[in-house]
Amino acid sequence: MLTKERGMFRIYECPRCRNIGFAQVESEECVSRCSLCQGPIAHAPAMQYAATIQEAESCVREAVVGTKLKPKSSGSSRTIGLKKRVLNIVEALVDMNKGRPVSLKDILRECTDAGIDKDRAMDFIEALLGEGILSGDDLGMRPSGRPS
């Protein structure tokens, strides 16, 4: 039986939004979802898999560094707004943190890893807090409406 800590984790680069992440799957045939845009992620021959969350996180970091070293293509394929991307990052981090709030520092680090400028990310976080979509403070934030 798979657990949250151990199992099969698919490391992917979403073909729709170019997000790099990982998702737990039961087998290679299972279709997972991108943590950012919810696009479907199916098995591909070059797909990587990890046995633990720590190994998956390490593979994602390596993949992110690898993509930052590649030259950018001429046309950007981003199909989702930055504000929504920042919110999706917060939601994904809270989910990975088992529903507990996530620090502003962790959110900004993840945004930077996703190619979002720290100042722009902060502007969107402040807007989401002002609109009541996010709640919390610098020590812990979560989407509003989630239980403590």
Protein backbone atom coordinates (compact mmCIF):
# COMPACT_ATOMS: atom_id res chain seq x y z
CA MET A 1 0.00 0.00 0.00
CA LEU A 2 1.25 3.47 -0.86
CA THR A 3 1.64 6.05 1.86
CA LYS A 4 2.06 9.82 1.75
CA GLU A 5 5.77 9.45 2.60
CA ARG A 6 6.59 6.41 0.42
CA GLY A 7 5.23 5.25 -2.89
CA MET A 8 5.63 6.22 -6.52
CA PHE A 9 6.06 9.90 -7.29
CA ARG A 10 6.04 11.14 -10.89
CA ILE A 11 8.36 14.06 -11.64
CA TYR A 12 6.98 16.12 -14.52
CA GLU A 13 7.17 19.29 -16.56
CA CYS A 14 3.61 20.25 -17.46
CA PRO A 15 3.17 20.56 -21.23
CA ARG A 16 0.49 23.19 -20.68
CA CYS A 17 2.07 25.69 -18.23
CA ARG A 18 5.70 24.41 -18.04
CA ASN A 19 5.43 23.97 -14.24
CA ILE A 20 7.90 21.44 -12.85
CA GLY A 21 6.58 19.36 -9.99
CA PHE A 22 5.74 15.90 -8.73
CA ALA A 23 2.61 13.91 -8.00
CA GLN A 24 1.99 10.63 -6.26
CA VAL A 25 0.68 7.91 -8.58
CA GLU A 26 -0.22 4.27 -8.10
CA SER A 27 1.37 3.16 -11.38
CA GLU A 28 2.90 4.55 -14.57
CA GLU A 29 -0.45 4.20 -16.33
CA CYS A 30 -2.21 6.56 -13.91
CA VAL A 31 -2.82 10.11 -15.12
CA SER A 32 -1.88 12.77 -12.57
CA ARG A 33 -2.62 16.51 -12.50
CA CYS A 34 -0.29 19.49 -12.62
CA SER A 35 -0.17 21.17 -9.22
CA LEU A 36 -0.31 24.60 -10.87
CA CYS A 37 -2.83 24.47 -13.73
CA GLN A 38 -4.48 21.08 -13.05
CA GLY A 39 -3.60 19.94 -16.59
CA PRO A 40 -3.35 16.17 -17.13
CA ILE A 41 0.10 14.56 -16.85
CA ALA A 42 0.43 11.13 -18.47
CA HIS A 43 3.41 8.78 -18.51
CA ALA A 44 6.06 9.50 -21.13
CA PRO A 45 9.16 7.42 -21.97
CA ALA A 46 11.58 9.97 -20.44
CA MET A 47 9.46 10.47 -17.29
CA GLN A 48 11.27 10.18 -13.94
CA TYR A 49 9.86 8.51 -10.83
CA ALA A 50 10.93 8.66 -7.18
CA ALA A 51 10.21 6.41 -4.20
CA THR A 52 10.00 9.09 -1.47
CA ILE A 53 8.83 12.69 -1.17
CA GLN A 54 12.38 13.80 -0.35
CA GLU A 55 13.74 12.10 -3.47
CA ALA A 56 10.95 13.65 -5.58
CA GLU A 57 11.67 17.14 -4.18
CA SER A 58 15.37 16.67 -4.97
CA CYS A 59 14.56 15.60 -8.56
CA VAL A 60 12.29 18.63 -9.00
CA ARG A 61 15.04 20.99 -7.77
CA GLU A 62 17.50 19.41 -10.25
CA ALA A 63 14.96 19.76 -13.06
CA VAL A 64 14.31 23.42 -12.21
CA VAL A 65 18.03 24.21 -12.22
CA GLY A 66 18.36 22.35 -15.53
CA THR A 67 15.58 24.38 -17.17
CA LYS A 68 17.04 27.67 -15.96
CA LEU A 69 20.27 26.77 -17.77
CA LYS A 70 18.45 26.06 -21.06
CA PRO A 71 17.92 28.96 -23.48
CA LYS A 72 14.36 30.28 -23.46
CA SER A 73 12.15 29.58 -26.47
CA SER A 74 10.92 32.56 -28.45
CA GLY A 75 7.24 32.27 -27.55
CA SER A 76 6.03 32.00 -23.98
CA SER A 77 3.39 29.34 -23.48
CA ARG A 78 2.16 30.58 -20.11
CA THR A 79 -1.58 30.27 -20.14
CA ILE A 80 -2.35 31.22 -16.56
CA GLY A 81 -2.13 34.64 -14.88
CA LEU A 82 0.53 35.37 -12.28
CA LYS A 83 -2.01 36.01 -9.53
CA LYS A 84 -3.58 32.60 -10.11
CA ARG A 85 -0.13 30.99 -10.30
CA VAL A 86 0.82 32.51 -6.92
CA LEU A 87 -2.45 31.27 -5.39
CA ASN A 88 -1.88 27.78 -6.86
CA ILE A 89 1.63 27.76 -5.40
CA VAL A 90 0.26 28.62 -1.94
CA GLU A 91 -2.42 25.92 -2.25
CA ALA A 92 0.14 23.31 -3.37
CA LEU A 93 2.51 24.19 -0.51
CA VAL A 94 -0.31 23.99 2.05
CA ASP A 95 -1.36 20.61 0.61
CA MET A 96 2.24 19.35 0.81
CA ASN A 97 2.36 20.65 4.40
CA LYS A 98 -0.64 18.46 5.30
CA GLY A 99 -3.06 21.41 5.45
CA ARG A 100 -0.94 23.51 7.80
CA PRO A 101 -0.12 27.15 6.99
CA VAL A 102 3.08 27.90 5.06
CA SER A 103 5.56 30.70 5.81
CA LEU A 104 5.90 33.70 3.52
CA LYS A 105 9.58 32.78 3.09
CA ASP A 106 8.65 29.34 1.68
CA ILE A 107 6.02 30.85 -0.62
CA LEU A 108 8.44 33.44 -2.00
CA ARG A 109 11.16 30.80 -2.51
CA GLU A 110 8.73 28.62 -4.47
CA CYS A 111 7.57 31.61 -6.53
CA THR A 112 11.19 32.48 -7.34
CA ASP A 113 11.83 28.84 -8.34
CA ALA A 114 8.78 29.10 -10.63
CA GLY A 115 10.27 32.17 -12.33
CA ILE A 116 8.09 34.77 -10.62
CA ASP A 117 9.96 37.89 -9.46
CA LYS A 118 9.97 38.16 -5.65
CA ASP A 119 8.56 41.72 -5.64
CA ARG A 120 5.77 40.82 -8.08
CA ALA A 121 4.93 37.72 -6.05
CA MET A 122 4.75 39.87 -2.90
CA ASP A 123 2.40 42.31 -4.67
CA PHE A 124 0.07 39.44 -5.61
CA ILE A 125 0.24 37.91 -2.12
CA GLU A 126 -0.74 41.28 -0.61
CA ALA A 127 -3.60 41.57 -3.12
CA LEU A 128 -4.82 38.04 -2.29
CA LEU A 129 -4.66 38.86 1.44
CA GLY A 130 -6.55 42.13 0.85
CA GLU A 131 -9.25 40.31 -1.12
CA GLY A 132 -9.62 37.73 1.65
CA ILE A 133 -8.56 34.86 -0.63
CA LEU A 134 -5.52 34.19 1.57
CA SER A 135 -5.43 34.47 5.34
CA GLY A 136 -2.61 34.56 7.85
CA ASP A 137 0.63 36.48 8.34
CA ASP A 138 4.35 36.18 7.52
CA LEU A 139 4.68 33.12 9.78
CA GLY A 140 1.84 31.15 8.22
CA MET A 141 -0.53 31.64 5.30
CA ARG A 142 -3.23 29.49 3.80
CA PRO A 143 -6.17 29.92 1.43
CA SER A 144 -9.17 31.32 3.31
CA GLY A 145 -11.83 28.84 4.27
CA ARG A 146 -9.37 26.08 5.14
CA PRO A 147 -9.59 24.77 8.70
CA SER A 148 -6.66 25.34 11.08
